[in-house]
Amino acid sequence: PMLPYLPVEFDWENFLATTLLDALGNTIMCALAGLVIAVTLIIHKLLTPQQDKFTKQQLTAISKG
């Protein structure tokens, strides 16, 4: 297959810099998203048992009342 025709004055440095910045940006965004999800899950796991306990106490109080 023939390579697509590139003009002689094609700016390879600019192209590579842009591509690298895009890739780097995507990687950083993915890493941040992963971090946010991980932190959210950890916080959720930490809070969930307390919520369960609290709900059981509430139910006990309601049923006794």
PDB file of N, CA and C in Angstrom:
ATOM      1  N   PRO A   1       0.841  -1.218   0.000  1.00  0.00           N
ATOM      2  CA  PRO A   1       0.000   0.000   0.000  1.00  0.00           C
ATOM      3  C   PRO A   1       0.867   1.255   0.000  1.00  0.00           C
ATOM      4  N   MET A   2       0.464   2.213  -0.801  1.00  0.00           N
ATOM      5  CA  MET A   2       1.220   3.460  -0.884  1.00  0.00           C
ATOM      6  C   MET A   2       0.970   4.308   0.359  1.00  0.00           C
ATOM      7  N   LEU A   3       2.024   4.949   0.839  1.00  0.00           N
ATOM      8  CA  LEU A   3       1.856   5.869   1.957  1.00  0.00           C
ATOM      9  C   LEU A   3       1.121   7.106   1.466  1.00  0.00           C
ATOM     10  N   PRO A   4       0.281   7.680   2.324  1.00  0.00           N
ATOM     11  CA  PRO A   4      -0.396   8.911   1.889  1.00  0.00           C
ATOM     12  C   PRO A   4       0.634   9.974   1.576  1.00  0.00           C
ATOM     13  N   TYR A   5       0.381  10.739   0.526  1.00  0.00           N
ATOM     14  CA  TYR A   5       1.337  11.763   0.089  1.00  0.00           C
ATOM     15  C   TYR A   5       1.445  12.869   1.133  1.00  0.00           C
ATOM     16  N   LEU A   6       2.664  13.149   1.541  1.00  0.00           N
ATOM     17  CA  LEU A   6       2.894  14.243   2.481  1.00  0.00           C
ATOM     18  C   LEU A   6       3.599  15.372   1.761  1.00  0.00           C
ATOM     19  N   PRO A   7       3.184  16.607   2.003  1.00  0.00           N
ATOM     20  CA  PRO A   7       3.882  17.734   1.378  1.00  0.00           C
ATOM     21  C   PRO A   7       5.331  17.770   1.847  1.00  0.00           C
ATOM     22  N   VAL A   8       6.210  18.275   0.996  1.00  0.00           N
ATOM     23  CA  VAL A   8       7.640  18.315   1.314  1.00  0.00           C
ATOM     24  C   VAL A   8       7.886  19.121   2.586  1.00  0.00           C
ATOM     25  N   GLU A   9       7.089  20.166   2.779  1.00  0.00           N
ATOM     26  CA  GLU A   9       7.299  21.034   3.939  1.00  0.00           C
ATOM     27  C   GLU A   9       6.529  20.535   5.172  1.00  0.00           C
ATOM     28  N   PHE A  10       6.209  19.237   5.188  1.00  0.00           N
ATOM     29  CA  PHE A  10       5.490  18.665   6.336  1.00  0.00           C
ATOM     30  C   PHE A  10       6.332  18.844   7.602  1.00  0.00           C
ATOM     31  N   ASP A  11       5.703  19.383   8.637  1.00  0.00           N
ATOM     32  CA  ASP A  11       6.425  19.711   9.868  1.00  0.00           C
ATOM     33  C   ASP A  11       6.431  18.500  10.802  1.00  0.00           C
ATOM     34  N   TRP A  12       7.448  17.648  10.646  1.00  0.00           N
ATOM     35  CA  TRP A  12       7.531  16.421  11.453  1.00  0.00           C
ATOM     36  C   TRP A  12       7.675  16.723  12.937  1.00  0.00           C
ATOM     37  N   GLU A  13       8.498  17.715  13.266  1.00  0.00           N
ATOM     38  CA  GLU A  13       8.714  18.042  14.682  1.00  0.00           C
ATOM     39  C   GLU A  13       7.410  18.457  15.347  1.00  0.00           C
ATOM     40  N   ASN A  14       6.665  19.320  14.658  1.00  0.00           N
ATOM     41  CA  ASN A  14       5.389  19.781  15.190  1.00  0.00           C
ATOM     42  C   ASN A  14       4.428  18.608  15.334  1.00  0.00           C
ATOM     43  N   PHE A  15       4.392  17.745  14.295  1.00  0.00           N
ATOM     44  CA  PHE A  15       3.512  16.580  14.302  1.00  0.00           C
ATOM     45  C   PHE A  15       3.841  15.661  15.480  1.00  0.00           C
ATOM     46  N   LEU A  16       5.124  15.360  15.665  1.00  0.00           N
ATOM     47  CA  LEU A  16       5.547  14.466  16.748  1.00  0.00           C
ATOM     48  C   LEU A  16       5.259  15.079  18.110  1.00  0.00           C
ATOM     49  N   ALA A  17       5.539  16.377  18.249  1.00  0.00           N
ATOM     50  CA  ALA A  17       5.294  17.059  19.517  1.00  0.00           C
ATOM     51  C   ALA A  17       3.807  17.010  19.862  1.00  0.00           C
ATOM     52  N   THR A  18       2.959  17.303  18.868  1.00  0.00           N
ATOM     53  CA  THR A  18       1.515  17.285  19.088  1.00  0.00           C
ATOM     54  C   THR A  18       1.049  15.892  19.470  1.00  0.00           C
ATOM     55  N   THR A  19       1.538  14.875  18.732  1.00  0.00           N
ATOM     56  CA  THR A  19       1.153  13.493  19.001  1.00  0.00           C
ATOM     57  C   THR A  19       1.572  13.079  20.404  1.00  0.00           C
ATOM     58  N   LEU A  20       2.805  13.427  20.773  1.00  0.00           N
ATOM     59  CA  LEU A  20       3.303  13.077  22.106  1.00  0.00           C
ATOM     60  C   LEU A  20       2.490  13.770  23.192  1.00  0.00           C
ATOM     61  N   LEU A  21       2.183  15.051  22.980  1.00  0.00           N
ATOM     62  CA  LEU A  21       1.399  15.791  23.966  1.00  0.00           C
ATOM     63  C   LEU A  21       0.005  15.187  24.104  1.00  0.00           C
ATOM     64  N   ASP A  22      -0.600  14.810  22.970  1.00  0.00           N
ATOM     65  CA  ASP A  22      -1.914  14.171  23.008  1.00  0.00           C
ATOM     66  C   ASP A  22      -1.852  12.877  23.805  1.00  0.00           C
ATOM     67  N   ALA A  23      -0.857  12.035  23.488  1.00  0.00           N
ATOM     68  CA  ALA A  23      -0.709  10.753  24.172  1.00  0.00           C
ATOM     69  C   ALA A  23      -0.482  10.966  25.666  1.00  0.00           C
ATOM     70  N   LEU A  24       0.389  11.925  25.988  1.00  0.00           N
ATOM     71  CA  LEU A  24       0.686  12.231  27.381  1.00  0.00           C
ATOM     72  C   LEU A  24      -0.570  12.724  28.099  1.00  0.00           C
ATOM     73  N   GLY A  25      -1.315  13.600  27.439  1.00  0.00           N
ATOM     74  CA  GLY A  25      -2.547  14.117  28.019  1.00  0.00           C
ATOM     75  C   GLY A  25      -3.551  13.012  28.279  1.00  0.00           C
ATOM     76  N   ASN A  26      -3.708  12.106  27.304  1.00  0.00           N
ATOM     77  CA  ASN A  26      -4.634  10.988  27.473  1.00  0.00           C
ATOM     78  C   ASN A  26      -4.202  10.098  28.626  1.00  0.00           C
ATOM     79  N   THR A  27      -2.902   9.831  28.704  1.00  0.00           N
ATOM     80  CA  THR A  27      -2.374   8.985  29.778  1.00  0.00           C
ATOM     81  C   THR A  27      -2.643   9.615  31.138  1.00  0.00           C
ATOM     82  N   ILE A  28      -2.383  10.922  31.237  1.00  0.00           N
ATOM     83  CA  ILE A  28      -2.604  11.627  32.503  1.00  0.00           C
ATOM     84  C   ILE A  28      -4.087  11.600  32.861  1.00  0.00           C
ATOM     85  N   MET A  29      -4.962  11.831  31.878  1.00  0.00           N
ATOM     86  CA  MET A  29      -6.397  11.812  32.137  1.00  0.00           C
ATOM     87  C   MET A  29      -6.839  10.436  32.617  1.00  0.00           C
ATOM     88  N   CYS A  30      -6.338   9.375  31.969  1.00  0.00           N
ATOM     89  CA  CYS A  30      -6.683   8.007  32.369  1.00  0.00           C
ATOM     90  C   CYS A  30      -6.188   7.734  33.787  1.00  0.00           C
ATOM     91  N   ALA A  31      -4.969   8.156  34.074  1.00  0.00           N
ATOM     92  CA  ALA A  31      -4.400   7.949  35.408  1.00  0.00           C
ATOM     93  C   ALA A  31      -5.228   8.681  36.463  1.00  0.00           C
ATOM     94  N   LEU A  32      -5.608   9.920  36.167  1.00  0.00           N
ATOM     95  CA  LEU A  32      -6.417  10.700  37.106  1.00  0.00           C
ATOM     96  C   LEU A  32      -7.778  10.054  37.319  1.00  0.00           C
ATOM     97  N   ALA A  33      -8.393   9.613  36.224  1.00  0.00           N
ATOM     98  CA  ALA A  33      -9.695   8.960  36.324  1.00  0.00           C
ATOM     99  C   ALA A  33      -9.584   7.704  37.181  1.00  0.00           C
ATOM    100  N   GLY A  34      -8.547   6.911  36.937  1.00  0.00           N
ATOM    101  CA  GLY A  34      -8.330   5.698  37.721  1.00  0.00           C
ATOM    102  C   GLY A  34      -8.136   6.015  39.191  1.00  0.00           C
ATOM    103  N   LEU A  35      -7.371   7.068  39.463  1.00  0.00           N
ATOM    104  CA  LEU A  35      -7.110   7.479  40.838  1.00  0.00           C
ATOM    105  C   LEU A  35      -8.401   7.906  41.529  1.00  0.00           C
ATOM    106  N   VAL A  36      -9.207   8.706  40.837  1.00  0.00           N
ATOM    107  CA  VAL A  36     -10.477   9.173  41.400  1.00  0.00           C
ATOM    108  C   VAL A  36     -11.382   7.985  41.718  1.00  0.00           C
ATOM    109  N   ILE A  37     -11.471   7.030  40.776  1.00  0.00           N
ATOM    110  CA  ILE A  37     -12.309   5.844  40.978  1.00  0.00           C
ATOM    111  C   ILE A  37     -11.801   5.041  42.174  1.00  0.00           C
ATOM    112  N   ALA A  38     -10.475   4.846  42.246  1.00  0.00           N
ATOM    113  CA  ALA A  38      -9.886   4.078  43.346  1.00  0.00           C
ATOM    114  C   ALA A  38     -10.189   4.736  44.689  1.00  0.00           C
ATOM    115  N   VAL A  39      -9.978   6.055  44.773  1.00  0.00           N
ATOM    116  CA  VAL A  39     -10.230   6.784  46.018  1.00  0.00           C
ATOM    117  C   VAL A  39     -11.706   6.688  46.398  1.00  0.00           C
ATOM    118  N   THR A  40     -12.584   6.844  45.408  1.00  0.00           N
ATOM    119  CA  THR A  40     -14.020   6.759  45.660  1.00  0.00           C
ATOM    120  C   THR A  40     -14.385   5.394  46.222  1.00  0.00           C
ATOM    121  N   LEU A  41     -13.838   4.322  45.613  1.00  0.00           N
ATOM    122  CA  LEU A  41     -14.122   2.966  46.083  1.00  0.00           C
ATOM    123  C   LEU A  41     -13.611   2.756  47.502  1.00  0.00           C
ATOM    124  N   ILE A  42     -12.405   3.249  47.785  1.00  0.00           N
ATOM    125  CA  ILE A  42     -11.827   3.095  49.126  1.00  0.00           C
ATOM    126  C   ILE A  42     -12.700   3.812  50.155  1.00  0.00           C
ATOM    127  N   ILE A  43     -13.072   5.050  49.854  1.00  0.00           N
ATOM    128  CA  ILE A  43     -13.919   5.827  50.767  1.00  0.00           C
ATOM    129  C   ILE A  43     -15.253   5.112  50.960  1.00  0.00           C
ATOM    130  N   HIS A  44     -15.811   4.606  49.870  1.00  0.00           N
ATOM    131  CA  HIS A  44     -17.089   3.910  49.945  1.00  0.00           C
ATOM    132  C   HIS A  44     -16.981   2.681  50.842  1.00  0.00           C
ATOM    133  N   LYS A  45     -15.890   1.913  50.668  1.00  0.00           N
ATOM    134  CA  LYS A  45     -15.695   0.715  51.495  1.00  0.00           C
ATOM    135  C   LYS A  45     -15.510   1.085  52.961  1.00  0.00           C
ATOM    136  N   LEU A  46     -14.846   2.204  53.212  1.00  0.00           N
ATOM    137  CA  LEU A  46     -14.642   2.642  54.592  1.00  0.00           C
ATOM    138  C   LEU A  46     -15.957   3.095  55.225  1.00  0.00           C
ATOM    139  N   LEU A  47     -16.795   3.748  54.439  1.00  0.00           N
ATOM    140  CA  LEU A  47     -18.037   4.303  54.977  1.00  0.00           C
ATOM    141  C   LEU A  47     -19.152   3.271  55.071  1.00  0.00           C
ATOM    142  N   THR A  48     -19.154   2.286  54.171  1.00  0.00           N
ATOM    143  CA  THR A  48     -20.277   1.348  54.091  1.00  0.00           C
ATOM    144  C   THR A  48     -20.541   0.605  55.400  1.00  0.00           C
ATOM    145  N   PRO A  49     -19.547   0.029  56.086  1.00  0.00           N
ATOM    146  CA  PRO A  49     -19.832  -0.678  57.340  1.00  0.00           C
ATOM    147  C   PRO A  49     -20.487   0.223  58.375  1.00  0.00           C
ATOM    148  N   GLN A  50     -20.018   1.473  58.457  1.00  0.00           N
ATOM    149  CA  GLN A  50     -20.599   2.420  59.402  1.00  0.00           C
ATOM    150  C   GLN A  50     -22.058   2.697  59.043  1.00  0.00           C
ATOM    151  N   GLN A  51     -22.330   2.821  57.756  1.00  0.00           N
ATOM    152  CA  GLN A  51     -23.704   3.057  57.309  1.00  0.00           C
ATOM    153  C   GLN A  51     -24.585   1.860  57.671  1.00  0.00           C
ATOM    154  N   ASP A  52     -24.043   0.636  57.477  1.00  0.00           N
ATOM    155  CA  ASP A  52     -24.795  -0.573  57.817  1.00  0.00           C
ATOM    156  C   ASP A  52     -25.132  -0.582  59.305  1.00  0.00           C
ATOM    157  N   LYS A  53     -24.130  -0.307  60.130  1.00  0.00           N
ATOM    158  CA  LYS A  53     -24.305  -0.298  61.575  1.00  0.00           C
ATOM    159  C   LYS A  53     -25.361   0.733  61.961  1.00  0.00           C
ATOM    160  N   PHE A  54     -25.229   1.915  61.379  1.00  0.00           N
ATOM    161  CA  PHE A  54     -26.137   3.014  61.676  1.00  0.00           C
ATOM    162  C   PHE A  54     -27.570   2.634  61.307  1.00  0.00           C
ATOM    163  N   THR A  55     -27.729   2.019  60.123  1.00  0.00           N
ATOM    164  CA  THR A  55     -29.057   1.622  59.657  1.00  0.00           C
ATOM    165  C   THR A  55     -29.651   0.573  60.582  1.00  0.00           C
ATOM    166  N   LYS A  56     -28.833  -0.395  61.021  1.00  0.00           N
ATOM    167  CA  LYS A  56     -29.323  -1.437  61.930  1.00  0.00           C
ATOM    168  C   LYS A  56     -29.755  -0.830  63.256  1.00  0.00           C
ATOM    169  N   GLN A  57     -28.980   0.114  63.761  1.00  0.00           N
ATOM    170  CA  GLN A  57     -29.343   0.794  65.008  1.00  0.00           C
ATOM    171  C   GLN A  57     -30.669   1.529  64.838  1.00  0.00           C
ATOM    172  N   GLN A  58     -30.816   2.190  63.689  1.00  0.00           N
ATOM    173  CA  GLN A  58     -32.060   2.915  63.419  1.00  0.00           C
ATOM    174  C   GLN A  58     -33.242   1.951  63.395  1.00  0.00           C
ATOM    175  N   LEU A  59     -33.069   0.823  62.681  1.00  0.00           N
ATOM    176  CA  LEU A  59     -34.144  -0.158  62.570  1.00  0.00           C
ATOM    177  C   LEU A  59     -34.494  -0.716  63.943  1.00  0.00           C
ATOM    178  N   THR A  60     -33.473  -1.009  64.753  1.00  0.00           N
ATOM    179  CA  THR A  60     -33.706  -1.525  66.106  1.00  0.00           C
ATOM    180  C   THR A  60     -34.488  -0.500  66.921  1.00  0.00           C
ATOM    181  N   ALA A  61     -34.073   0.744  66.846  1.00  0.00           N
ATOM    182  CA  ALA A  61     -34.739   1.813  67.590  1.00  0.00           C
ATOM    183  C   ALA A  61     -36.187   1.950  67.135  1.00  0.00           C
ATOM    184  N   ILE A  62     -36.408   1.870  65.816  1.00  0.00           N
ATOM    185  CA  ILE A  62     -37.763   2.018  65.276  1.00  0.00           C
ATOM    186  C   ILE A  62     -38.631   0.844  65.725  1.00  0.00           C
ATOM    187  N   SER A  63     -38.085  -0.371  65.646  1.00  0.00           N
ATOM    188  CA  SER A  63     -38.880  -1.550  65.997  1.00  0.00           C
ATOM    189  C   SER A  63     -39.181  -1.575  67.498  1.00  0.00           C
ATOM    190  N   LYS A  64     -38.241  -1.084  68.324  1.00  0.00           N
ATOM    191  CA  LYS A  64     -38.482  -1.022  69.772  1.00  0.00           C
ATOM    192  C   LYS A  64     -39.508   0.067  70.085  1.00  0.00           C
ATOM    193  N   GLY A  65     -39.385   1.181  69.360  1.00  0.00           N
ATOM    194  CA  GLY A  65     -40.279   2.308  69.604  1.00  0.00           C
ATOM    195  C   GLY A  65     -41.672   1.960  69.154  1.00  0.00           C
TER     196      GLY A  65
END
